[in-house]
Every structure is written in C-alpha cells, then in structure tokens.
C-alpha atoms as a PDB file:
ATOM      1  CA  UNK A   1      -1.380   3.029 -19.679  1.00  0.00           C
ATOM      2  CA  UNK A   2      -2.960  -0.132 -20.976  1.00  0.00           C
ATOM      3  CA  UNK A   3      -5.921  -2.117 -19.792  1.00  0.00           C
ATOM      4  CA  UNK A   4      -7.092  -1.878 -16.202  1.00  0.00           C
ATOM      5  CA  UNK A   5      -6.186  -4.608 -13.733  1.00  0.00           C
ATOM      6  CA  UNK A   6      -8.451  -5.200 -10.762  1.00  0.00           C
ATOM      7  CA  UNK A   7      -6.787  -5.967  -7.448  1.00  0.00           C
ATOM      8  CA  UNK A   8      -8.001  -7.493  -4.227  1.00  0.00           C
ATOM      9  CA  UNK A   9      -7.753  -4.252  -2.263  1.00  0.00           C
ATOM     10  CA  UNK A  10     -10.078  -2.371  -4.604  1.00  0.00           C
ATOM     11  CA  UNK A  11     -13.779  -2.293  -3.726  1.00  0.00           C
ATOM     12  CA  UNK A  12     -16.049  -1.160  -6.516  1.00  0.00           C
ATOM     13  CA  UNK A  13     -18.401   1.645  -5.573  1.00  0.00           C
ATOM     14  CA  UNK A  14     -19.992   4.921  -6.614  1.00  0.00           C
ATOM     15  CA  UNK A  15     -19.260   7.042  -3.571  1.00  0.00           C
ATOM     16  CA  UNK A  16     -17.982  10.656  -3.707  1.00  0.00           C
ATOM     17  CA  UNK A  17     -14.541   9.339  -2.727  1.00  0.00           C
ATOM     18  CA  UNK A  18     -14.528   6.841  -5.610  1.00  0.00           C
ATOM     19  CA  UNK A  19     -15.418   9.661  -7.982  1.00  0.00           C
ATOM     20  CA  UNK A  20     -12.465  11.880  -7.049  1.00  0.00           C
ATOM     21  CA  UNK A  21      -9.598  12.072  -9.570  1.00  0.00           C
ATOM     22  CA  UNK A  22      -6.771   9.727  -8.533  1.00  0.00           C
ATOM     23  CA  UNK A  23      -4.140  12.467  -8.273  1.00  0.00           C
ATOM     24  CA  UNK A  24      -6.325  14.317  -5.751  1.00  0.00           C
ATOM     25  CA  UNK A  25      -6.588  11.209  -3.577  1.00  0.00           C
ATOM     26  CA  UNK A  26      -2.861  10.484  -3.876  1.00  0.00           C
ATOM     27  CA  UNK A  27      -1.936  14.022  -2.818  1.00  0.00           C
ATOM     28  CA  UNK A  28      -4.447  13.975   0.062  1.00  0.00           C
ATOM     29  CA  UNK A  29      -3.194  10.602   1.337  1.00  0.00           C
ATOM     30  CA  UNK A  30       0.440  11.673   1.166  1.00  0.00           C
ATOM     31  CA  UNK A  31      -0.303  14.932   2.994  1.00  0.00           C
ATOM     32  CA  UNK A  32      -2.289  13.098   5.680  1.00  0.00           C
ATOM     33  CA  UNK A  33       0.554  10.629   6.312  1.00  0.00           C
ATOM     34  CA  UNK A  34       3.089  13.482   6.531  1.00  0.00           C
ATOM     35  CA  UNK A  35       0.898  15.252   9.110  1.00  0.00           C
ATOM     36  CA  UNK A  36       0.485  12.073  11.177  1.00  0.00           C
ATOM     37  CA  UNK A  37       4.229  11.400  11.166  1.00  0.00           C
ATOM     38  CA  UNK A  38       4.897  15.016  12.211  1.00  0.00           C
ATOM     39  CA  UNK A  39       2.650  14.732  15.278  1.00  0.00           C
ATOM     40  CA  UNK A  40       4.441  14.431  18.649  1.00  0.00           C
ATOM     41  CA  UNK A  41       4.040  10.954  20.074  1.00  0.00           C
ATOM     42  CA  UNK A  42       3.204  12.355  23.503  1.00  0.00           C
ATOM     43  CA  UNK A  43      -0.030  13.895  22.166  1.00  0.00           C
ATOM     44  CA  UNK A  44      -1.874  10.587  22.480  1.00  0.00           C
ATOM     45  CA  UNK A  45      -5.329  12.093  22.027  1.00  0.00           C
ATOM     46  CA  UNK A  46      -4.491  13.398  18.556  1.00  0.00           C
ATOM     47  CA  UNK A  47      -4.103   9.864  17.187  1.00  0.00           C
ATOM     48  CA  UNK A  48      -7.610   9.059  18.363  1.00  0.00           C
ATOM     49  CA  UNK A  49      -8.884  12.013  16.337  1.00  0.00           C
ATOM     50  CA  UNK A  50      -6.883  10.838  13.315  1.00  0.00           C
ATOM     51  CA  UNK A  51      -8.582   7.451  13.620  1.00  0.00           C
ATOM     52  CA  UNK A  52     -11.958   9.195  13.677  1.00  0.00           C
ATOM     53  CA  UNK A  53     -11.015  11.076  10.496  1.00  0.00           C
ATOM     54  CA  UNK A  54     -10.058   7.817   8.775  1.00  0.00           C
ATOM     55  CA  UNK A  55     -13.336   6.253   9.909  1.00  0.00           C
ATOM     56  CA  UNK A  56     -15.264   9.247   8.553  1.00  0.00           C
ATOM     57  CA  UNK A  57     -13.457   8.983   5.197  1.00  0.00           C
ATOM     58  CA  UNK A  58     -14.210   5.240   5.073  1.00  0.00           C
ATOM     59  CA  UNK A  59     -17.864   5.952   5.812  1.00  0.00           C
ATOM     60  CA  UNK A  60     -17.965   8.550   3.023  1.00  0.00           C
ATOM     61  CA  UNK A  61     -16.418   5.959   0.687  1.00  0.00           C
ATOM     62  CA  UNK A  62     -18.905   3.302   1.904  1.00  0.00           C
ATOM     63  CA  UNK A  63     -16.054   0.946   2.844  1.00  0.00           C
ATOM     64  CA  UNK A  64     -17.187  -1.541   5.534  1.00  0.00           C
ATOM     65  CA  UNK A  65     -15.170  -1.548   8.748  1.00  0.00           C
ATOM     66  CA  UNK A  66     -14.506  -5.284   8.437  1.00  0.00           C
ATOM     67  CA  UNK A  67     -13.042  -4.859   4.957  1.00  0.00           C
ATOM     68  CA  UNK A  68     -10.682  -2.153   6.206  1.00  0.00           C
ATOM     69  CA  UNK A  69      -9.662  -4.016   9.369  1.00  0.00           C
ATOM     70  CA  UNK A  70      -8.854  -7.237   7.498  1.00  0.00           C
ATOM     71  CA  UNK A  71      -6.503  -5.350   5.185  1.00  0.00           C
ATOM     72  CA  UNK A  72      -4.713  -3.860   8.186  1.00  0.00           C
ATOM     73  CA  UNK A  73      -3.327  -7.315   9.003  1.00  0.00           C
ATOM     74  CA  UNK A  74      -0.497  -6.538   6.586  1.00  0.00           C
ATOM     75  CA  UNK A  75       1.209  -4.577   9.369  1.00  0.00           C
ATOM     76  CA  UNK A  76       1.463  -7.574  11.724  1.00  0.00           C
ATOM     77  CA  UNK A  77       5.290  -7.851  11.259  1.00  0.00           C
ATOM     78  CA  UNK A  78       5.668  -4.230  12.357  1.00  0.00           C
ATOM     79  CA  UNK A  79       3.462  -4.923  15.374  1.00  0.00           C
ATOM     80  CA  UNK A  80       5.773  -7.779  16.358  1.00  0.00           C
ATOM     81  CA  UNK A  81       8.773  -5.459  16.072  1.00  0.00           C
ATOM     82  CA  UNK A  82       7.063  -2.796  18.189  1.00  0.00           C
ATOM     83  CA  UNK A  83       6.193  -5.332  20.906  1.00  0.00           C
ATOM     84  CA  UNK A  84       9.885  -6.174  21.311  1.00  0.00           C
ATOM     85  CA  UNK A  85      11.008  -2.557  21.707  1.00  0.00           C
ATOM     86  CA  UNK A  86      10.093  -2.137  25.420  1.00  0.00           C
ATOM     87  CA  UNK A  87      12.135  -5.245  26.253  1.00  0.00           C
ATOM     88  CA  UNK A  88      15.332  -4.410  24.330  1.00  0.00           C
ATOM     89  CA  UNK A  89      15.507  -0.614  24.601  1.00  0.00           C
ATOM     90  CA  UNK A  90      17.832   0.988  27.159  1.00  0.00           C
ATOM     91  CA  UNK A  91      17.198   3.754  29.673  1.00  0.00           C
ATOM     92  CA  UNK A  92      14.733   4.241  32.514  1.00  0.00           C
ATOM     93  CA  UNK A  93      12.743   1.128  33.413  1.00  0.00           C
ATOM     94  CA  UNK A  94       9.211   0.706  34.732  1.00  0.00           C
ATOM     95  CA  UNK A  95       7.398  -2.345  36.130  1.00  0.00           C
ATOM     96  CA  UNK A  96       4.329  -3.441  34.145  1.00  0.00           C
ATOM     97  CA  UNK A  97       2.582  -6.682  35.179  1.00  0.00           C
ATOM     98  CA  UNK A  98       5.759  -7.871  36.840  1.00  0.00           C
ATOM     99  CA  UNK A  99       7.915  -7.177  33.765  1.00  0.00           C
ATOM    100  CA  UNK A 100      10.680  -4.588  33.601  1.00  0.00           C
ATOM    101  CA  UNK A 101      10.079  -2.450  30.497  1.00  0.00           C
ATOM    102  CA  UNK A 102      11.949   0.498  29.059  1.00  0.00           C
ATOM    103  CA  UNK A 103      10.097   3.811  29.175  1.00  0.00           C
ATOM    104  CA  UNK A 104      11.685   4.985  25.928  1.00  0.00           C
ATOM    105  CA  UNK A 105      10.869   1.588  24.407  1.00  0.00           C
ATOM    106  CA  UNK A 106       7.225   1.924  25.393  1.00  0.00           C
ATOM    107  CA  UNK A 107       7.040   5.361  23.768  1.00  0.00           C
ATOM    108  CA  UNK A 108       8.816   4.038  20.698  1.00  0.00           C
ATOM    109  CA  UNK A 109       6.425   1.090  20.416  1.00  0.00           C
ATOM    110  CA  UNK A 110       3.441   3.423  20.747  1.00  0.00           C
ATOM    111  CA  UNK A 111       4.930   5.734  18.114  1.00  0.00           C
ATOM    112  CA  UNK A 112       5.408   2.889  15.622  1.00  0.00           C
ATOM    113  CA  UNK A 113       2.009   1.319  16.259  1.00  0.00           C
ATOM    114  CA  UNK A 114      -0.047   4.521  16.172  1.00  0.00           C
ATOM    115  CA  UNK A 115       1.582   6.196  13.183  1.00  0.00           C
ATOM    116  CA  UNK A 116       2.114   2.950  11.282  1.00  0.00           C
ATOM    117  CA  UNK A 117      -1.495   1.848  11.712  1.00  0.00           C
ATOM    118  CA  UNK A 118      -2.866   5.211  10.603  1.00  0.00           C
ATOM    119  CA  UNK A 119      -0.548   5.296   7.593  1.00  0.00           C
ATOM    120  CA  UNK A 120      -1.502   1.776   6.539  1.00  0.00           C
ATOM    121  CA  UNK A 121      -5.201   2.557   7.060  1.00  0.00           C
ATOM    122  CA  UNK A 122      -4.936   5.640   4.826  1.00  0.00           C
ATOM    123  CA  UNK A 123      -3.119   3.615   2.156  1.00  0.00           C
ATOM    124  CA  UNK A 124      -5.683   0.807   2.299  1.00  0.00           C
ATOM    125  CA  UNK A 125      -8.485   3.350   1.995  1.00  0.00           C
ATOM    126  CA  UNK A 126      -6.780   4.838  -1.066  1.00  0.00           C
ATOM    127  CA  UNK A 127      -6.354   1.411  -2.682  1.00  0.00           C
ATOM    128  CA  UNK A 128      -9.941   0.479  -1.805  1.00  0.00           C
ATOM    129  CA  UNK A 129     -11.358   3.414  -3.738  1.00  0.00           C
ATOM    130  CA  UNK A 130      -8.916   3.663  -6.661  1.00  0.00           C
ATOM    131  CA  UNK A 131      -8.132   1.131  -9.389  1.00  0.00           C
ATOM    132  CA  UNK A 132      -4.494   0.320 -10.126  1.00  0.00           C
ATOM    133  CA  UNK A 133      -4.625   1.861 -13.573  1.00  0.00           C
ATOM    134  CA  UNK A 134      -6.095   5.046 -12.114  1.00  0.00           C
ATOM    135  CA  UNK A 135      -3.346   5.160  -9.483  1.00  0.00           C
ATOM    136  CA  UNK A 136      -0.695   4.982 -12.217  1.00  0.00           C
ATOM    137  CA  UNK A 137      -2.427   7.743 -14.162  1.00  0.00           C
ATOM    138  CA  UNK A 138      -2.588   9.808 -10.980  1.00  0.00           C
ATOM    139  CA  UNK A 139       1.145   9.382 -10.379  1.00  0.00           C
ATOM    140  CA  UNK A 140       1.815  10.448 -13.945  1.00  0.00           C
ATOM    141  CA  UNK A 141      -0.399  13.516 -13.566  1.00  0.00           C
ATOM    142  CA  UNK A 142       1.467  14.453 -10.374  1.00  0.00           C
ATOM    143  CA  UNK A 143       4.639  14.612 -12.521  1.00  0.00           C
ATOM    144  CA  UNK A 144       6.301  11.518 -11.111  1.00  0.00           C
ATOM    145  CA  UNK A 145       9.183  10.621 -13.483  1.00  0.00           C
ATOM    146  CA  UNK A 146       7.633   8.689 -16.408  1.00  0.00           C
ATOM    147  CA  UNK A 147      10.257   5.953 -16.130  1.00  0.00           C
ATOM    148  CA  UNK A 148       9.231   5.213 -12.540  1.00  0.00           C
ATOM    149  CA  UNK A 149       5.570   5.102 -13.565  1.00  0.00           C
ATOM    150  CA  UNK A 150       6.380   2.643 -16.345  1.00  0.00           C
ATOM    151  CA  UNK A 151       8.413   0.448 -13.983  1.00  0.00           C
ATOM    152  CA  UNK A 152       5.505   0.366 -11.522  1.00  0.00           C
ATOM    153  CA  UNK A 153       3.065  -0.412 -14.342  1.00  0.00           C
ATOM    154  CA  UNK A 154       5.150  -3.273 -15.716  1.00  0.00           C
ATOM    155  CA  UNK A 155       5.815  -4.613 -12.215  1.00  0.00           C
ATOM    156  CA  UNK A 156       2.085  -4.865 -11.499  1.00  0.00           C
ATOM    157  CA  UNK A 157       1.334  -6.545 -14.807  1.00  0.00           C
ATOM    158  CA  UNK A 158       4.275  -8.947 -14.737  1.00  0.00           C
ATOM    159  CA  UNK A 159       3.471  -9.867 -11.155  1.00  0.00           C
ATOM    160  CA  UNK A 160       0.191 -11.346 -12.374  1.00  0.00           C
ATOM    161  CA  UNK A 161       1.910 -13.040 -15.334  1.00  0.00           C
ATOM    162  CA  UNK A 162       4.586 -14.655 -13.144  1.00  0.00           C
ATOM    163  CA  UNK A 163       1.987 -15.777 -10.603  1.00  0.00           C
ATOM    164  CA  UNK A 164      -0.069 -17.465 -13.330  1.00  0.00           C
ATOM    165  CA  UNK A 165       3.063 -19.105 -14.760  1.00  0.00           C
ATOM    166  CA  UNK A 166       4.014 -20.458 -11.335  1.00  0.00           C
ATOM    167  CA  UNK A 167       0.487 -21.765 -10.819  1.00  0.00           C
ATOM    168  CA  UNK A 168       0.602 -23.649 -14.135  1.00  0.00           C
ATOM    169  CA  UNK A 169       3.988 -25.154 -13.251  1.00  0.00           C
ATOM    170  CA  UNK A 170       2.649 -26.228  -9.862  1.00  0.00           C
ATOM    171  CA  UNK A 171      -0.359 -27.922 -11.523  1.00  0.00           C
ATOM    172  CA  UNK A 172       1.986 -29.692 -13.942  1.00  0.00           C
ATOM    173  CA  UNK A 173       4.107 -31.026 -11.032  1.00  0.00           C
ATOM    174  CA  UNK A 174       1.086 -32.270  -9.121  1.00  0.00           C
ATOM    175  CA  UNK A 175      -0.363 -33.929 -12.229  1.00  0.00           C
ATOM    176  CA  UNK A 176       2.851 -35.991 -12.389  1.00  0.00           C
ATOM    177  CA  UNK A 177       2.509 -37.067  -8.772  1.00  0.00           C
ATOM    178  CA  UNK A 178       5.026 -34.645  -7.237  1.00  0.00           C
ATOM    179  CA  UNK A 179       4.415 -33.313  -3.738  1.00  0.00           C
ATOM    180  CA  UNK A 180       7.074 -31.486  -1.732  1.00  0.00           C
ATOM    181  CA  UNK A 181       7.388 -33.192   1.653  1.00  0.00           C
ATOM    182  CA  UNK A 182      10.940 -32.606   2.837  1.00  0.00           C
ATOM    183  CA  UNK A 183      14.455 -31.399   2.210  1.00  0.00           C
ATOM    184  CA  UNK A 184      15.045 -33.953  -0.538  1.00  0.00           C
ATOM    185  CA  UNK A 185      12.559 -32.119  -2.740  1.00  0.00           C
ATOM    186  CA  UNK A 186      14.276 -28.751  -2.466  1.00  0.00           C
ATOM    187  CA  UNK A 187      16.276 -29.540  -5.600  1.00  0.00           C
ATOM    188  CA  UNK A 188      13.074 -29.828  -7.619  1.00  0.00           C
ATOM    189  CA  UNK A 189      11.785 -26.540  -6.203  1.00  0.00           C
ATOM    190  CA  UNK A 190      15.101 -24.851  -7.019  1.00  0.00           C
ATOM    191  CA  UNK A 191      14.864 -26.077 -10.609  1.00  0.00           C
ATOM    192  CA  UNK A 192      11.307 -24.750 -10.720  1.00  0.00           C
ATOM    193  CA  UNK A 193      12.526 -21.331  -9.609  1.00  0.00           C
ATOM    194  CA  UNK A 194      15.219 -21.368 -12.306  1.00  0.00           C
ATOM    195  CA  UNK A 195      12.744 -22.407 -14.999  1.00  0.00           C
ATOM    196  CA  UNK A 196      10.345 -19.696 -13.841  1.00  0.00           C
ATOM    197  CA  UNK A 197      13.095 -17.078 -14.144  1.00  0.00           C
ATOM    198  CA  UNK A 198      13.980 -18.182 -17.696  1.00  0.00           C
ATOM    199  CA  UNK A 199      10.336 -18.282 -18.792  1.00  0.00           C
ATOM    200  CA  UNK A 200       9.677 -14.846 -17.287  1.00  0.00           C
ATOM    201  CA  UNK A 201      12.753 -13.391 -18.996  1.00  0.00           C
ATOM    202  CA  UNK A 202      11.747 -14.841 -22.353  1.00  0.00           C
ATOM    203  CA  UNK A 203       8.172 -13.642 -21.890  1.00  0.00           C
ATOM    204  CA  UNK A 204       9.478 -10.146 -21.167  1.00  0.00           C
ATOM    205  CA  UNK A 205      11.546 -10.160 -24.363  1.00  0.00           C
ATOM    206  CA  UNK A 206       8.546 -11.218 -26.447  1.00  0.00           C
ATOM    207  CA  UNK A 207       6.352  -8.550 -24.869  1.00  0.00           C
ATOM    208  CA  UNK A 208       9.008  -5.876 -25.469  1.00  0.00           C
ATOM    209  CA  UNK A 209       9.364  -6.855 -29.144  1.00  0.00           C
ATOM    210  CA  UNK A 210       5.589  -6.758 -29.499  1.00  0.00           C
ATOM    211  CA  UNK A 211       5.510  -3.267 -27.963  1.00  0.00           C
ATOM    212  CA  UNK A 212       8.279  -2.005 -30.253  1.00  0.00           C
ATOM    213  CA  UNK A 213       6.483  -3.397 -33.317  1.00  0.00           C
ATOM    214  CA  UNK A 214       3.437  -1.365 -32.252  1.00  0.00           C
ATOM    215  CA  UNK A 215       5.345   1.889 -31.999  1.00  0.00           C
ATOM    216  CA  UNK A 216       6.649   1.929 -28.420  1.00  0.00           C
ATOM    217  CA  UNK A 217       9.429   4.540 -28.159  1.00  0.00           C
ATOM    218  CA  UNK A 218      10.094   4.750 -24.433  1.00  0.00           C
ATOM    219  CA  UNK A 219       6.826   6.229 -23.156  1.00  0.00           C
ATOM    220  CA  UNK A 220       3.355   4.850 -22.683  1.00  0.00           C
ATOM    221  CA  UNK A 221       0.361   6.724 -24.156  1.00  0.00           C
ATOM    222  CA  UNK A 222      -2.054   8.341 -21.724  1.00  0.00           C
ATOM    223  CA  UNK A 223      -5.547   7.351 -22.757  1.00  0.00           C
ATOM    224  CA  UNK A 224      -7.457   9.876 -20.676  1.00  0.00           C
ATOM    225  CA  UNK A 225      -6.524  13.128 -18.981  1.00  0.00           C
ATOM    226  CA  UNK A 226      -8.856  13.895 -16.079  1.00  0.00           C
ATOM    227  CA  UNK A 227      -8.466  17.419 -14.741  1.00  0.00           C
ATOM    228  CA  UNK A 228      -9.679  17.999 -11.193  1.00  0.00           C
ATOM    229  CA  UNK A 229     -11.976  20.891 -10.386  1.00  0.00           C
ATOM    230  CA  UNK A 230     -11.474  23.216  -7.450  1.00  0.00           C
ATOM    231  CA  UNK A 231     -14.410  21.584  -5.671  1.00  0.00           C
ATOM    232  CA  UNK A 232     -12.782  18.161  -6.012  1.00  0.00           C
ATOM    233  CA  UNK A 233      -9.458  19.449  -4.710  1.00  0.00           C
ATOM    234  CA  UNK A 234     -11.267  21.059  -1.771  1.00  0.00           C
ATOM    235  CA  UNK A 235     -13.139  17.826  -1.014  1.00  0.00           C
ATOM    236  CA  UNK A 236      -9.931  15.801  -1.127  1.00  0.00           C
ATOM    237  CA  UNK A 237      -8.084  18.352   1.002  1.00  0.00           C
ATOM    238  CA  UNK A 238     -10.643  18.131   3.810  1.00  0.00           C
ATOM    239  CA  UNK A 239      -8.883  15.121   5.376  1.00  0.00           C
ATOM    240  CA  UNK A 240      -5.284  16.428   5.457  1.00  0.00           C
ATOM    241  CA  UNK A 241      -6.329  19.988   6.371  1.00  0.00           C
ATOM    242  CA  UNK A 242      -8.396  18.775   9.328  1.00  0.00           C
ATOM    243  CA  UNK A 243      -5.521  16.502  10.343  1.00  0.00           C
ATOM    244  CA  UNK A 244      -3.140  19.467  10.160  1.00  0.00           C
ATOM    245  CA  UNK A 245      -5.361  21.427  12.545  1.00  0.00           C
ATOM    246  CA  UNK A 246      -5.280  18.489  14.971  1.00  0.00           C
ATOM    247  CA  UNK A 247      -1.489  18.259  14.638  1.00  0.00           C
ATOM    248  CA  UNK A 248      -1.038  21.950  15.434  1.00  0.00           C
ATOM    249  CA  UNK A 249      -3.197  21.571  18.534  1.00  0.00           C
ATOM    250  CA  UNK A 250      -1.087  18.591  19.530  1.00  0.00           C
ATOM    251  CA  UNK A 251       2.065  20.720  19.397  1.00  0.00           C
ATOM    252  CA  UNK A 252       0.568  23.693  21.232  1.00  0.00           C
ATOM    253  CA  UNK A 253      -1.569  22.089  23.958  1.00  0.00           C
END
C-alpha cells in the first residue's frame, strides 16, 4: 500500500489495543456504532454505560482523556444542529427556563447528541490507535472493494501533496508583498485556486505515469498480511459484545 503516513489523530503507543490487527479494530468499531444506533433513545442510562465502555477502551489503549476530548470538537456543527431542533420541531410543547420547546425536538436533540458523540468517540479511538496505512490494509483484508481502498489511499496521500503545494504558493504570494485584506483580492485567490487545480492535475498525471512505468496494473501490492488469532478477535469483540448486552437490556427494561 506504499509508505506509511502519520496523521494528527494517531498517538503512538504499545498498548494491547495498538497491537490488535487493524481489521479486528475496524470490525469492532463498526459493530459498536451499529449497536449504539440501534439503542432506543428513551433508555438514557444505556448511553452512560456506553460512555463508560469507551472510557475503559481508551484506558486500555493508554489514550489520555484530554487527547480524546479535544478530538471530539469535530462534532461541534452537529451539536449546533441538535440545539436548534427543540425550537423548530412541531408537536407537544414544554416550558424550559421560560422557553417553549418541542418535546419531540428535545428527544431528537438528545438522540443526535448521545449517539453522535459516542460514534465520534469510537472513531477517534480507532484513529488514535491505528496508523492510516494499517487502516487501509484492514479495509482491504475485510474485503472492501479494492478500487475503493485505492481511492481512499490516493485521497489521503494527495491531500498532503495539495496542502504542501498550497502552502508553497501562499509563501510565494507573501514574499511578493501580497496580503488578502478585502473583496478586491478575491480575484487573486481565485487565480490561486485555478493554478492549484492545474498543478494538482499535472502532478497526478506524472505520478500515474511513474506508477505505470513501475508495473502498476490496477491494483496495489499488499506488503504484509497480518492474520488475527482467535484471542485477538475475542479481545476486539469485548467492546461490541458488552455494548450489545447493554442494548438488549435497554430494549427489555
């Protein structure tokens, strides 16, 4: 799959969670999210237990709470959307602090916040303990269509390339005394975007020709095949299986 690329979400470590094969962690995370989404929103106590499970997994992975909480800020736009739901939803109303709020909107906001936060936390925990290259190998081992894996791989790599190209163009503009201060400079920024597109397209062509000259025929070679043991699958399954038990109690109690 090519050389590994470190990312800001990844936190290097030697915990048992870091040592699990990536496809085990991907399957466990997906199963956990499915269980959380399947939980009735009225079973409020179950989401507290899910949070405890995430905290236990983070502790096993030796991921500091502050590191995890800072990465959860990515869901702020969804929080803003959830806050608006009690005000715009229809149906029965209730007075809260002098404001008329929709009951169905309050439940909907709680549903979005609780399940969304837990899903994002599980994803951040996965990214914190698994390198990008390992994630791609895990997707390939889980039999995701190879074309999709290649698209994801190229997207990650070209994202870094385009970012570096944009940074160099920005340095070149500033070295010539340019500083965007108003609408009259939008034309320059638009030309920059066009030049960035052309440079990225040309860079992609050169990279593709280089790959073809080295024997690329539509599929990327897999450098290492890591087979998971039963013990590793059992360790990874502990989180979603425990969550499933909590979900079943939430439906029955």
